[in-house]
Amino acid sequence: MPSPAALPNPRLALCCLAPLLLGGCLAKAAVDVVTAPVRVAGKAVDLATTSQSEADEKRGRDLRQREEELGRLERRYAGELDDCNRGDTRACTRAQTTYAQIQAQLRQLPPPPPPDRE
């Protein structure tokens, strides 16, 4: 059996090998610390700004919702107008109110695109 003096000290061996084993780990941590402020700033800019495609999607959603509401109003107006033509005076009043709502919705919609000229 070897003498205790012949065995290497485990602490000394660990201290000698630690920089070799952890070198990549320490370098990665240093890079992470240095680049963190840049990543945080970039993320803040991304959150604060809206891309053109996001703005287009939002405009498209808003337009679809307005057109859906306009369609509902037009269907309601048609029913009220039928009732009015049958002699229901309250339906005539409701039809006038609905017609005013339709006109307000139409003013909010953008004009239709011009027809393609080929």
PDB file of N, CA and C in Angstrom:
ATOM      1  N   MET A   1       0.840  -1.168   0.000  1.00  0.00           N
ATOM      2  CA  MET A   1       0.000   0.000   0.000  1.00  0.00           C
ATOM      3  C   MET A   1       0.890   1.237   0.000  1.00  0.00           C
ATOM      4  N   PRO A   2       0.558   2.233  -0.832  1.00  0.00           N
ATOM      5  CA  PRO A   2       1.394   3.420  -0.889  1.00  0.00           C
ATOM      6  C   PRO A   2       1.240   4.234   0.386  1.00  0.00           C
ATOM      7  N   SER A   3       2.250   4.960   0.670  1.00  0.00           N
ATOM      8  CA  SER A   3       2.213   5.783   1.880  1.00  0.00           C
ATOM      9  C   SER A   3       1.333   6.995   1.635  1.00  0.00           C
ATOM     10  N   PRO A   4       0.737   7.559   2.712  1.00  0.00           N
ATOM     11  CA  PRO A   4      -0.144   8.719   2.530  1.00  0.00           C
ATOM     12  C   PRO A   4       0.585   9.888   1.901  1.00  0.00           C
ATOM     13  N   ALA A   5       1.857  10.022   2.076  1.00  0.00           N
ATOM     14  CA  ALA A   5       2.587  11.135   1.482  1.00  0.00           C
ATOM     15  C   ALA A   5       2.685  10.981  -0.026  1.00  0.00           C
ATOM     16  N   ALA A   6       2.616   9.731  -0.547  1.00  0.00           N
ATOM     17  CA  ALA A   6       2.742   9.493  -1.973  1.00  0.00           C
ATOM     18  C   ALA A   6       1.458   9.820  -2.733  1.00  0.00           C
ATOM     19  N   LEU A   7       0.303   9.806  -2.069  1.00  0.00           N
ATOM     20  CA  LEU A   7      -0.969  10.113  -2.732  1.00  0.00           C
ATOM     21  C   LEU A   7      -1.091  11.624  -2.943  1.00  0.00           C
ATOM     22  N   PRO A   8      -1.588  12.056  -4.077  1.00  0.00           N
ATOM     23  CA  PRO A   8      -1.749  13.495  -4.298  1.00  0.00           C
ATOM     24  C   PRO A   8      -2.890  14.027  -3.424  1.00  0.00           C
ATOM     25  N   ASN A   9      -2.733  15.262  -3.035  1.00  0.00           N
ATOM     26  CA  ASN A   9      -3.752  15.914  -2.222  1.00  0.00           C
ATOM     27  C   ASN A   9      -4.967  16.181  -3.108  1.00  0.00           C
ATOM     28  N   PRO A  10      -6.157  15.678  -2.757  1.00  0.00           N
ATOM     29  CA  PRO A  10      -7.337  15.867  -3.621  1.00  0.00           C
ATOM     30  C   PRO A  10      -7.696  17.341  -3.806  1.00  0.00           C
ATOM     31  N   ARG A  11      -7.504  18.139  -2.792  1.00  0.00           N
ATOM     32  CA  ARG A  11      -7.828  19.562  -2.917  1.00  0.00           C
ATOM     33  C   ARG A  11      -6.886  20.241  -3.912  1.00  0.00           C
ATOM     34  N   LEU A  12      -5.620  19.879  -3.821  1.00  0.00           N
ATOM     35  CA  LEU A  12      -4.647  20.464  -4.723  1.00  0.00           C
ATOM     36  C   LEU A  12      -4.953  20.062  -6.169  1.00  0.00           C
ATOM     37  N   ALA A  13      -5.299  18.809  -6.357  1.00  0.00           N
ATOM     38  CA  ALA A  13      -5.635  18.327  -7.698  1.00  0.00           C
ATOM     39  C   ALA A  13      -6.879  19.042  -8.232  1.00  0.00           C
ATOM     40  N   LEU A  14      -7.877  19.243  -7.373  1.00  0.00           N
ATOM     41  CA  LEU A  14      -9.097  19.925  -7.777  1.00  0.00           C
ATOM     42  C   LEU A  14      -8.812  21.380  -8.135  1.00  0.00           C
ATOM     43  N   CYS A  15      -7.980  22.035  -7.361  1.00  0.00           N
ATOM     44  CA  CYS A  15      -7.622  23.425  -7.637  1.00  0.00           C
ATOM     45  C   CYS A  15      -6.858  23.547  -8.952  1.00  0.00           C
ATOM     46  N   CYS A  16      -6.036  22.569  -9.261  1.00  0.00           N
ATOM     47  CA  CYS A  16      -5.272  22.614 -10.510  1.00  0.00           C
ATOM     48  C   CYS A  16      -6.155  22.324 -11.722  1.00  0.00           C
ATOM     49  N   LEU A  17      -7.119  21.439 -11.566  1.00  0.00           N
ATOM     50  CA  LEU A  17      -7.961  21.055 -12.693  1.00  0.00           C
ATOM     51  C   LEU A  17      -9.162  21.979 -12.892  1.00  0.00           C
ATOM     52  N   ALA A  18      -9.571  22.694 -11.864  1.00  0.00           N
ATOM     53  CA  ALA A  18     -10.773  23.525 -11.948  1.00  0.00           C
ATOM     54  C   ALA A  18     -10.701  24.537 -13.086  1.00  0.00           C
ATOM     55  N   PRO A  19      -9.600  25.306 -13.243  1.00  0.00           N
ATOM     56  CA  PRO A  19      -9.578  26.273 -14.352  1.00  0.00           C
ATOM     57  C   PRO A  19      -9.686  25.602 -15.711  1.00  0.00           C
ATOM     58  N   LEU A  20      -9.116  24.422 -15.846  1.00  0.00           N
ATOM     59  CA  LEU A  20      -9.189  23.722 -17.127  1.00  0.00           C
ATOM     60  C   LEU A  20     -10.601  23.228 -17.398  1.00  0.00           C
ATOM     61  N   LEU A  21     -11.253  22.703 -16.360  1.00  0.00           N
ATOM     62  CA  LEU A  21     -12.581  22.142 -16.530  1.00  0.00           C
ATOM     63  C   LEU A  21     -13.659  23.237 -16.633  1.00  0.00           C
ATOM     64  N   LEU A  22     -13.458  24.333 -15.944  1.00  0.00           N
ATOM     65  CA  LEU A  22     -14.471  25.379 -15.906  1.00  0.00           C
ATOM     66  C   LEU A  22     -14.171  26.560 -16.818  1.00  0.00           C
ATOM     67  N   GLY A  23     -13.127  26.509 -17.580  1.00  0.00           N
ATOM     68  CA  GLY A  23     -12.730  27.637 -18.418  1.00  0.00           C
ATOM     69  C   GLY A  23     -13.829  28.071 -19.368  1.00  0.00           C
ATOM     70  N   GLY A  24     -14.445  27.146 -20.080  1.00  0.00           N
ATOM     71  CA  GLY A  24     -15.524  27.475 -21.009  1.00  0.00           C
ATOM     72  C   GLY A  24     -16.736  28.019 -20.284  1.00  0.00           C
ATOM     73  N   CYS A  25     -16.998  27.459 -19.123  1.00  0.00           N
ATOM     74  CA  CYS A  25     -18.139  27.881 -18.325  1.00  0.00           C
ATOM     75  C   CYS A  25     -17.965  29.335 -17.866  1.00  0.00           C
ATOM     76  N   LEU A  26     -16.770  29.653 -17.391  1.00  0.00           N
ATOM     77  CA  LEU A  26     -16.495  31.007 -16.923  1.00  0.00           C
ATOM     78  C   LEU A  26     -16.513  31.999 -18.074  1.00  0.00           C
ATOM     79  N   ALA A  27     -15.978  31.580 -19.214  1.00  0.00           N
ATOM     80  CA  ALA A  27     -15.977  32.468 -20.381  1.00  0.00           C
ATOM     81  C   ALA A  27     -17.411  32.736 -20.842  1.00  0.00           C
ATOM     82  N   LYS A  28     -18.231  31.715 -20.835  1.00  0.00           N
ATOM     83  CA  LYS A  28     -19.639  31.879 -21.244  1.00  0.00           C
ATOM     84  C   LYS A  28     -20.356  32.815 -20.287  1.00  0.00           C
ATOM     85  N   ALA A  29     -20.114  32.661 -18.998  1.00  0.00           N
ATOM     86  CA  ALA A  29     -20.746  33.529 -18.006  1.00  0.00           C
ATOM     87  C   ALA A  29     -20.297  34.981 -18.212  1.00  0.00           C
ATOM     88  N   ALA A  30     -19.032  35.176 -18.516  1.00  0.00           N
ATOM     89  CA  ALA A  30     -18.524  36.530 -18.744  1.00  0.00           C
ATOM     90  C   ALA A  30     -19.174  37.140 -19.974  1.00  0.00           C
ATOM     91  N   VAL A  31     -19.318  36.361 -21.034  1.00  0.00           N
ATOM     92  CA  VAL A  31     -19.960  36.854 -22.253  1.00  0.00           C
ATOM     93  C   VAL A  31     -21.424  37.185 -21.967  1.00  0.00           C
ATOM     94  N   ASP A  32     -22.105  36.328 -21.206  1.00  0.00           N
ATOM     95  CA  ASP A  32     -23.505  36.583 -20.867  1.00  0.00           C
ATOM     96  C   ASP A  32     -23.660  37.881 -20.083  1.00  0.00           C
ATOM     97  N   VAL A  33     -22.758  38.112 -19.151  1.00  0.00           N
ATOM     98  CA  VAL A  33     -22.828  39.324 -18.340  1.00  0.00           C
ATOM     99  C   VAL A  33     -22.589  40.561 -19.200  1.00  0.00           C
ATOM    100  N   VAL A  34     -21.646  40.469 -20.122  1.00  0.00           N
ATOM    101  CA  VAL A  34     -21.319  41.617 -20.970  1.00  0.00           C
ATOM    102  C   VAL A  34     -22.439  41.900 -21.967  1.00  0.00           C
ATOM    103  N   THR A  35     -23.068  40.870 -22.542  1.00  0.00           N
ATOM    104  CA  THR A  35     -24.076  41.087 -23.582  1.00  0.00           C
ATOM    105  C   THR A  35     -25.481  41.266 -23.028  1.00  0.00           C
ATOM    106  N   ALA A  36     -25.692  41.035 -21.753  1.00  0.00           N
ATOM    107  CA  ALA A  36     -27.039  41.136 -21.177  1.00  0.00           C
ATOM    108  C   ALA A  36     -27.661  42.517 -21.373  1.00  0.00           C
ATOM    109  N   PRO A  37     -26.949  43.610 -21.110  1.00  0.00           N
ATOM    110  CA  PRO A  37     -27.595  44.922 -21.305  1.00  0.00           C
ATOM    111  C   PRO A  37     -28.030  45.166 -22.752  1.00  0.00           C
ATOM    112  N   VAL A  38     -27.255  44.675 -23.691  1.00  0.00           N
ATOM    113  CA  VAL A  38     -27.607  44.848 -25.102  1.00  0.00           C
ATOM    114  C   VAL A  38     -28.873  44.060 -25.423  1.00  0.00           C
ATOM    115  N   ARG A  39     -28.961  42.836 -24.917  1.00  0.00           N
ATOM    116  CA  ARG A  39     -30.149  42.022 -25.161  1.00  0.00           C
ATOM    117  C   ARG A  39     -31.381  42.632 -24.510  1.00  0.00           C
ATOM    118  N   VAL A  40     -31.228  43.152 -23.306  1.00  0.00           N
ATOM    119  CA  VAL A  40     -32.357  43.775 -22.612  1.00  0.00           C
ATOM    120  C   VAL A  40     -32.824  45.013 -23.375  1.00  0.00           C
ATOM    121  N   ALA A  41     -31.897  45.823 -23.831  1.00  0.00           N
ATOM    122  CA  ALA A  41     -32.257  47.019 -24.587  1.00  0.00           C
ATOM    123  C   ALA A  41     -32.945  46.644 -25.895  1.00  0.00           C
ATOM    124  N   GLY A  42     -32.451  45.630 -26.565  1.00  0.00           N
ATOM    125  CA  GLY A  42     -33.073  45.178 -27.809  1.00  0.00           C
ATOM    126  C   GLY A  42     -34.485  44.673 -27.582  1.00  0.00           C
ATOM    127  N   LYS A  43     -34.684  43.950 -26.503  1.00  0.00           N
ATOM    128  CA  LYS A  43     -36.012  43.433 -26.171  1.00  0.00           C
ATOM    129  C   LYS A  43     -36.970  44.589 -25.877  1.00  0.00           C
ATOM    130  N   ALA A  44     -36.478  45.614 -25.166  1.00  0.00           N
ATOM    131  CA  ALA A  44     -37.317  46.772 -24.848  1.00  0.00           C
ATOM    132  C   ALA A  44     -37.733  47.494 -26.128  1.00  0.00           C
ATOM    133  N   VAL A  45     -36.826  47.628 -27.070  1.00  0.00           N
ATOM    134  CA  VAL A  45     -37.152  48.289 -28.336  1.00  0.00           C
ATOM    135  C   VAL A  45     -38.183  47.463 -29.091  1.00  0.00           C
ATOM    136  N   ASP A  46     -38.028  46.141 -29.098  1.00  0.00           N
ATOM    137  CA  ASP A  46     -38.994  45.278 -29.778  1.00  0.00           C
ATOM    138  C   ASP A  46     -40.379  45.423 -29.167  1.00  0.00           C
ATOM    139  N   LEU A  47     -40.443  45.508 -27.848  1.00  0.00           N
ATOM    140  CA  LEU A  47     -41.739  45.633 -27.188  1.00  0.00           C
ATOM    141  C   LEU A  47     -42.348  47.014 -27.393  1.00  0.00           C
ATOM    142  N   ALA A  48     -41.526  48.025 -27.523  1.00  0.00           N
ATOM    143  CA  ALA A  48     -42.023  49.393 -27.633  1.00  0.00           C
ATOM    144  C   ALA A  48     -42.456  49.743 -29.048  1.00  0.00           C
ATOM    145  N   THR A  49     -41.954  49.038 -30.045  1.00  0.00           N
ATOM    146  CA  THR A  49     -42.291  49.377 -31.420  1.00  0.00           C
ATOM    147  C   THR A  49     -43.210  48.319 -32.013  1.00  0.00           C
ATOM    148  N   THR A  50     -43.990  48.731 -32.976  1.00  0.00           N
ATOM    149  CA  THR A  50     -44.883  47.825 -33.684  1.00  0.00           C
ATOM    150  C   THR A  50     -44.369  47.691 -35.107  1.00  0.00           C
ATOM    151  N   SER A  51     -44.182  46.472 -35.532  1.00  0.00           N
ATOM    152  CA  SER A  51     -43.697  46.278 -36.898  1.00  0.00           C
ATOM    153  C   SER A  51     -44.806  46.616 -37.891  1.00  0.00           C
ATOM    154  N   GLN A  52     -44.410  46.810 -39.124  1.00  0.00           N
ATOM    155  CA  GLN A  52     -45.387  47.155 -40.161  1.00  0.00           C
ATOM    156  C   GLN A  52     -46.394  46.026 -40.340  1.00  0.00           C
ATOM    157  N   SER A  53     -45.940  44.780 -40.285  1.00  0.00           N
ATOM    158  CA  SER A  53     -46.874  43.663 -40.466  1.00  0.00           C
ATOM    159  C   SER A  53     -47.864  43.595 -39.309  1.00  0.00           C
ATOM    160  N   GLU A  54     -47.408  43.878 -38.082  1.00  0.00           N
ATOM    161  CA  GLU A  54     -48.327  43.892 -36.940  1.00  0.00           C
ATOM    162  C   GLU A  54     -49.360  45.001 -37.088  1.00  0.00           C
ATOM    163  N   ALA A  55     -48.923  46.163 -37.554  1.00  0.00           N
ATOM    164  CA  ALA A  55     -49.855  47.271 -37.768  1.00  0.00           C
ATOM    165  C   ALA A  55     -50.861  46.921 -38.861  1.00  0.00           C
ATOM    166  N   ASP A  56     -50.393  46.275 -39.930  1.00  0.00           N
ATOM    167  CA  ASP A  56     -51.295  45.863 -41.009  1.00  0.00           C
ATOM    168  C   ASP A  56     -52.317  44.848 -40.512  1.00  0.00           C
ATOM    169  N   GLU A  57     -51.866  43.890 -39.693  1.00  0.00           N
ATOM    170  CA  GLU A  57     -52.786  42.888 -39.141  1.00  0.00           C
ATOM    171  C   GLU A  57     -53.850  43.549 -38.276  1.00  0.00           C
ATOM    172  N   LYS A  58     -53.430  44.506 -37.464  1.00  0.00           N
ATOM    173  CA  LYS A  58     -54.370  45.198 -36.586  1.00  0.00           C
ATOM    174  C   LYS A  58     -55.388  45.983 -37.413  1.00  0.00           C
ATOM    175  N   ARG A  59     -54.909  46.686 -38.444  1.00  0.00           N
ATOM    176  CA  ARG A  59     -55.820  47.420 -39.319  1.00  0.00           C
ATOM    177  C   ARG A  59     -56.806  46.475 -39.996  1.00  0.00           C
ATOM    178  N   GLY A  60     -56.313  45.333 -40.443  1.00  0.00           N
ATOM    179  CA  GLY A  60     -57.182  44.348 -41.093  1.00  0.00           C
ATOM    180  C   GLY A  60     -58.246  43.818 -40.148  1.00  0.00           C
ATOM    181  N   ARG A  61     -57.840  43.538 -38.896  1.00  0.00           N
ATOM    182  CA  ARG A  61     -58.818  43.071 -37.895  1.00  0.00           C
ATOM    183  C   ARG A  61     -59.887  44.125 -37.638  1.00  0.00           C
ATOM    184  N   ASP A  62     -59.451  45.368 -37.458  1.00  0.00           N
ATOM    185  CA  ASP A  62     -60.398  46.454 -37.215  1.00  0.00           C
ATOM    186  C   ASP A  62     -61.368  46.606 -38.390  1.00  0.00           C
ATOM    187  N   LEU A  63     -60.844  46.534 -39.591  1.00  0.00           N
ATOM    188  CA  LEU A  63     -61.684  46.672 -40.783  1.00  0.00           C
ATOM    189  C   LEU A  63     -62.707  45.537 -40.866  1.00  0.00           C
ATOM    190  N   ARG A  64     -62.257  44.298 -40.610  1.00  0.00           N
ATOM    191  CA  ARG A  64     -63.185  43.159 -40.636  1.00  0.00           C
ATOM    192  C   ARG A  64     -64.282  43.315 -39.594  1.00  0.00           C
ATOM    193  N   GLN A  65     -63.922  43.766 -38.389  1.00  0.00           N
ATOM    194  CA  GLN A  65     -64.923  43.946 -37.344  1.00  0.00           C
ATOM    195  C   GLN A  65     -65.940  45.016 -37.732  1.00  0.00           C
ATOM    196  N   ARG A  66     -65.477  46.102 -38.321  1.00  0.00           N
ATOM    197  CA  ARG A  66     -66.403  47.151 -38.756  1.00  0.00           C
ATOM    198  C   ARG A  66     -67.331  46.651 -39.860  1.00  0.00           C
ATOM    199  N   GLU A  67     -66.767  45.879 -40.793  1.00  0.00           N
ATOM    200  CA  GLU A  67     -67.590  45.342 -41.877  1.00  0.00           C
ATOM    201  C   GLU A  67     -68.611  44.343 -41.343  1.00  0.00           C
ATOM    202  N   GLU A  68     -68.224  43.534 -40.350  1.00  0.00           N
ATOM    203  CA  GLU A  68     -69.173  42.597 -39.746  1.00  0.00           C
ATOM    204  C   GLU A  68     -70.308  43.348 -39.060  1.00  0.00           C
ATOM    205  N   GLU A  69     -69.975  44.400 -38.330  1.00  0.00           N
ATOM    206  CA  GLU A  69     -71.000  45.211 -37.664  1.00  0.00           C
ATOM    207  C   GLU A  69     -71.917  45.866 -38.696  1.00  0.00           C
ATOM    208  N   LEU A  70     -71.344  46.334 -39.783  1.00  0.00           N
ATOM    209  CA  LEU A  70     -72.148  46.934 -40.849  1.00  0.00           C
ATOM    210  C   LEU A  70     -73.113  45.901 -41.436  1.00  0.00           C
ATOM    211  N   GLY A  71     -72.647  44.683 -41.630  1.00  0.00           N
ATOM    212  CA  GLY A  71     -73.507  43.619 -42.147  1.00  0.00           C
ATOM    213  C   GLY A  71     -74.658  43.321 -41.198  1.00  0.00           C
ATOM    214  N   ARG A  72     -74.370  43.287 -39.888  1.00  0.00           N
ATOM    215  CA  ARG A  72     -75.438  43.047 -38.907  1.00  0.00           C
ATOM    216  C   ARG A  72     -76.471  44.181 -38.954  1.00  0.00           C
ATOM    217  N   LEU A  73     -75.984  45.411 -39.021  1.00  0.00           N
ATOM    218  CA  LEU A  73     -76.904  46.552 -39.084  1.00  0.00           C
ATOM    219  C   LEU A  73     -77.762  46.516 -40.349  1.00  0.00           C
ATOM    220  N   GLU A  74     -77.157  46.162 -41.474  1.00  0.00           N
ATOM    221  CA  GLU A  74     -77.921  46.115 -42.726  1.00  0.00           C
ATOM    222  C   GLU A  74     -78.995  45.039 -42.678  1.00  0.00           C
ATOM    223  N   ARG A  75     -78.690  43.886 -42.081  1.00  0.00           N
ATOM    224  CA  ARG A  75     -79.704  42.827 -41.954  1.00  0.00           C
ATOM    225  C   ARG A  75     -80.835  43.283 -41.034  1.00  0.00           C
ATOM    226  N   ARG A  76     -80.487  43.930 -39.940  1.00  0.00           N
ATOM    227  CA  ARG A  76     -81.509  44.423 -39.010  1.00  0.00           C
ATOM    228  C   ARG A  76     -82.368  45.487 -39.695  1.00  0.00           C
ATOM    229  N   TYR A  77     -81.719  46.366 -40.451  1.00  0.00           N
ATOM    230  CA  TYR A  77     -82.442  47.425 -41.152  1.00  0.00           C
ATOM    231  C   TYR A  77     -83.426  46.829 -42.154  1.00  0.00           C
ATOM    232  N   ALA A  78     -83.013  45.802 -42.880  1.00  0.00           N
ATOM    233  CA  ALA A  78     -83.897  45.173 -43.870  1.00  0.00           C
ATOM    234  C   ALA A  78     -85.136  44.597 -43.187  1.00  0.00           C
ATOM    235  N   GLY A  79     -84.940  43.947 -42.040  1.00  0.00           N
ATOM    236  CA  GLY A  79     -86.093  43.396 -41.315  1.00  0.00           C
ATOM    237  C   GLY A  79     -87.012  44.486 -40.792  1.00  0.00           C
ATOM    238  N   GLU A  80     -86.426  45.553 -40.259  1.00  0.00           N
ATOM    239  CA  GLU A  80     -87.233  46.651 -39.745  1.00  0.00           C
ATOM    240  C   GLU A  80     -87.982  47.359 -40.872  1.00  0.00           C
ATOM    241  N   LEU A  81     -87.334  47.472 -42.012  1.00  0.00           N
ATOM    242  CA  LEU A  81     -87.983  48.114 -43.159  1.00  0.00           C
ATOM    243  C   LEU A  81     -89.161  47.274 -43.654  1.00  0.00           C
ATOM    244  N   ASP A  82     -89.013  45.958 -43.662  1.00  0.00           N
ATOM    245  CA  ASP A  82     -90.132  45.081 -44.036  1.00  0.00           C
ATOM    246  C   ASP A  82     -91.303  45.281 -43.083  1.00  0.00           C
ATOM    247  N   ASP A  83     -91.002  45.309 -41.778  1.00  0.00           N
ATOM    248  CA  ASP A  83     -92.069  45.513 -40.787  1.00  0.00           C
ATOM    249  C   ASP A  83     -92.714  46.884 -40.973  1.00  0.00           C
ATOM    250  N   CYS A  84     -91.907  47.887 -41.276  1.00  0.00           N
ATOM    251  CA  CYS A  84     -92.420  49.240 -41.499  1.00  0.00           C
ATOM    252  C   CYS A  84     -93.355  49.256 -42.708  1.00  0.00           C
ATOM    253  N   ASN A  85     -92.976  48.569 -43.772  1.00  0.00           N
ATOM    254  CA  ASN A  85     -93.813  48.524 -44.987  1.00  0.00           C
ATOM    255  C   ASN A  85     -95.121  47.791 -44.741  1.00  0.00           C
ATOM    256  N   ARG A  86     -95.161  46.947 -43.700  1.00  0.00           N
ATOM    257  CA  ARG A  86     -96.397  46.242 -43.344  1.00  0.00           C
ATOM    258  C   ARG A  86     -97.290  47.083 -42.422  1.00  0.00           C
ATOM    259  N   GLY A  87     -96.802  48.275 -42.052  1.00  0.00           N
ATOM    260  CA  GLY A  87     -97.644  49.161 -41.258  1.00  0.00           C
ATOM    261  C   GLY A  87     -97.226  49.326 -39.806  1.00  0.00           C
ATOM    262  N   ASP A  88     -96.117  48.748 -39.380  1.00  0.00           N
ATOM    263  CA  ASP A  88     -95.651  48.888 -37.992  1.00  0.00           C
ATOM    264  C   ASP A  88     -94.888  50.199 -37.851  1.00  0.00           C
ATOM    265  N   THR A  89     -95.500  51.189 -37.196  1.00  0.00           N
ATOM    266  CA  THR A  89     -94.876  52.509 -37.093  1.00  0.00           C
ATOM    267  C   THR A  89     -93.650  52.499 -36.178  1.00  0.00           C
ATOM    268  N   ARG A  90     -93.676  51.639 -35.165  1.00  0.00           N
ATOM    269  CA  ARG A  90     -92.480  51.552 -34.301  1.00  0.00           C
ATOM    270  C   ARG A  90     -91.295  50.985 -35.074  1.00  0.00           C
ATOM    271  N   ALA A  91     -91.549  50.068 -35.985  1.00  0.00           N
ATOM    272  CA  ALA A  91     -90.479  49.513 -36.817  1.00  0.00           C
ATOM    273  C   ALA A  91     -89.894  50.599 -37.719  1.00  0.00           C
ATOM    274  N   CYS A  92     -90.744  51.548 -38.160  1.00  0.00           N
ATOM    275  CA  CYS A  92     -90.246  52.656 -38.987  1.00  0.00           C
ATOM    276  C   CYS A  92     -89.263  53.512 -38.188  1.00  0.00           C
ATOM    277  N   THR A  93     -89.589  53.776 -36.931  1.00  0.00           N
ATOM    278  CA  THR A  93     -88.698  54.564 -36.078  1.00  0.00           C
ATOM    279  C   THR A  93     -87.388  53.814 -35.843  1.00  0.00           C
ATOM    280  N   ARG A  94     -87.503  52.510 -35.578  1.00  0.00           N
ATOM    281  CA  ARG A  94     -86.287  51.698 -35.372  1.00  0.00           C
ATOM    282  C   ARG A  94     -85.450  51.653 -36.648  1.00  0.00           C
ATOM    283  N   ALA A  95     -86.107  51.591 -37.804  1.00  0.00           N
ATOM    284  CA  ALA A  95     -85.392  51.549 -39.085  1.00  0.00           C
ATOM    285  C   ALA A  95     -84.630  52.858 -39.307  1.00  0.00           C
ATOM    286  N   GLN A  96     -85.219  53.979 -38.917  1.00  0.00           N
ATOM    287  CA  GLN A  96     -84.529  55.265 -39.060  1.00  0.00           C
ATOM    288  C   GLN A  96     -83.284  55.303 -38.175  1.00  0.00           C
ATOM    289  N   THR A  97     -83.407  54.801 -36.961  1.00  0.00           N
ATOM    290  CA  THR A  97     -82.264  54.766 -36.040  1.00  0.00           C
ATOM    291  C   THR A  97     -81.162  53.859 -36.590  1.00  0.00           C
ATOM    292  N   THR A  98     -81.571  52.694 -37.079  1.00  0.00           N
ATOM    293  CA  THR A  98     -80.600  51.754 -37.636  1.00  0.00           C
ATOM    294  C   THR A  98     -79.925  52.332 -38.869  1.00  0.00           C
ATOM    295  N   TYR A  99     -80.703  53.036 -39.696  1.00  0.00           N
ATOM    296  CA  TYR A  99     -80.127  53.657 -40.889  1.00  0.00           C
ATOM    297  C   TYR A  99     -79.067  54.698 -40.505  1.00  0.00           C
ATOM    298  N   ALA A 100     -79.315  55.458 -39.448  1.00  0.00           N
ATOM    299  CA  ALA A 100     -78.336  56.444 -38.968  1.00  0.00           C
ATOM    300  C   ALA A 100     -77.064  55.736 -38.487  1.00  0.00           C
ATOM    301  N   GLN A 101     -77.236  54.589 -37.834  1.00  0.00           N
ATOM    302  CA  GLN A 101     -76.063  53.816 -37.385  1.00  0.00           C
ATOM    303  C   GLN A 101     -75.270  53.296 -38.580  1.00  0.00           C
ATOM    304  N   ILE A 102     -75.978  52.872 -39.617  1.00  0.00           N
ATOM    305  CA  ILE A 102     -75.300  52.392 -40.832  1.00  0.00           C
ATOM    306  C   ILE A 102     -74.486  53.522 -41.450  1.00  0.00           C
ATOM    307  N   GLN A 103     -75.081  54.713 -41.535  1.00  0.00           N
ATOM    308  CA  GLN A 103     -74.367  55.849 -42.119  1.00  0.00           C
ATOM    309  C   GLN A 103     -73.122  56.195 -41.298  1.00  0.00           C
ATOM    310  N   ALA A 104     -73.228  56.107 -39.978  1.00  0.00           N
ATOM    311  CA  ALA A 104     -72.068  56.381 -39.124  1.00  0.00           C
ATOM    312  C   ALA A 104     -70.970  55.337 -39.357  1.00  0.00           C
ATOM    313  N   GLN A 105     -71.359  54.080 -39.508  1.00  0.00           N
ATOM    314  CA  GLN A 105     -70.378  53.023 -39.781  1.00  0.00           C
ATOM    315  C   GLN A 105     -69.709  53.244 -41.145  1.00  0.00           C
ATOM    316  N   LEU A 106     -70.489  53.630 -42.134  1.00  0.00           N
ATOM    317  CA  LEU A 106     -69.930  53.843 -43.473  1.00  0.00           C
ATOM    318  C   LEU A 106     -68.906  54.969 -43.476  1.00  0.00           C
ATOM    319  N   ARG A 107     -69.126  55.997 -42.656  1.00  0.00           N
ATOM    320  CA  ARG A 107     -68.157  57.096 -42.593  1.00  0.00           C
ATOM    321  C   ARG A 107     -66.830  56.642 -41.983  1.00  0.00           C
ATOM    322  N   GLN A 108     -66.871  55.605 -41.150  1.00  0.00           N
ATOM    323  CA  GLN A 108     -65.645  55.116 -40.500  1.00  0.00           C
ATOM    324  C   GLN A 108     -64.848  54.175 -41.394  1.00  0.00           C
ATOM    325  N   LEU A 109     -65.491  53.594 -42.390  1.00  0.00           N
ATOM    326  CA  LEU A 109     -64.796  52.656 -43.274  1.00  0.00           C
ATOM    327  C   LEU A 109     -63.974  53.417 -44.303  1.00  0.00           C
ATOM    328  N   PRO A 110     -62.797  52.896 -44.644  1.00  0.00           N
ATOM    329  CA  PRO A 110     -62.027  53.528 -45.723  1.00  0.00           C
ATOM    330  C   PRO A 110     -62.730  53.284 -47.057  1.00  0.00           C
ATOM    331  N   PRO A 111     -62.478  54.124 -48.037  1.00  0.00           N
ATOM    332  CA  PRO A 111     -63.116  53.906 -49.340  1.00  0.00           C
ATOM    333  C   PRO A 111     -62.613  52.603 -49.954  1.00  0.00           C
ATOM    334  N   PRO A 112     -63.445  51.990 -50.772  1.00  0.00           N
ATOM    335  CA  PRO A 112     -62.998  50.740 -51.406  1.00  0.00           C
ATOM    336  C   PRO A 112     -61.840  51.021 -52.356  1.00  0.00           C
ATOM    337  N   PRO A 113     -60.998  50.026 -52.592  1.00  0.00           N
ATOM    338  CA  PRO A 113     -59.867  50.236 -53.508  1.00  0.00           C
ATOM    339  C   PRO A 113     -60.385  50.428 -54.937  1.00  0.00           C
ATOM    340  N   PRO A 114     -59.647  51.176 -55.741  1.00  0.00           N
ATOM    341  CA  PRO A 114     -60.088  51.377 -57.131  1.00  0.00           C
ATOM    342  C   PRO A 114     -60.019  50.045 -57.882  1.00  0.00           C
ATOM    343  N   PRO A 115     -60.850  49.907 -58.888  1.00  0.00           N
ATOM    344  CA  PRO A 115     -60.832  48.652 -59.659  1.00  0.00           C
ATOM    345  C   PRO A 115     -59.513  48.523 -60.419  1.00  0.00           C
ATOM    346  N   ASP A 116     -59.070  47.297 -60.602  1.00  0.00           N
ATOM    347  CA  ASP A 116     -57.839  47.035 -61.346  1.00  0.00           C
ATOM    348  C   ASP A 116     -58.061  47.380 -62.817  1.00  0.00           C
ATOM    349  N   ARG A 117     -57.107  48.085 -63.370  1.00  0.00           N
ATOM    350  CA  ARG A 117     -57.184  48.427 -64.799  1.00  0.00           C
ATOM    351  C   ARG A 117     -56.147  47.606 -65.528  1.00  0.00           C
ATOM    352  N   GLU A 118     -56.625  46.739 -66.352  1.00  0.00           N
ATOM    353  CA  GLU A 118     -55.693  45.875 -67.083  1.00  0.00           C
ATOM    354  C   GLU A 118     -55.803  46.090 -68.553  1.00  0.00           C
TER     355      GLU A 118
END
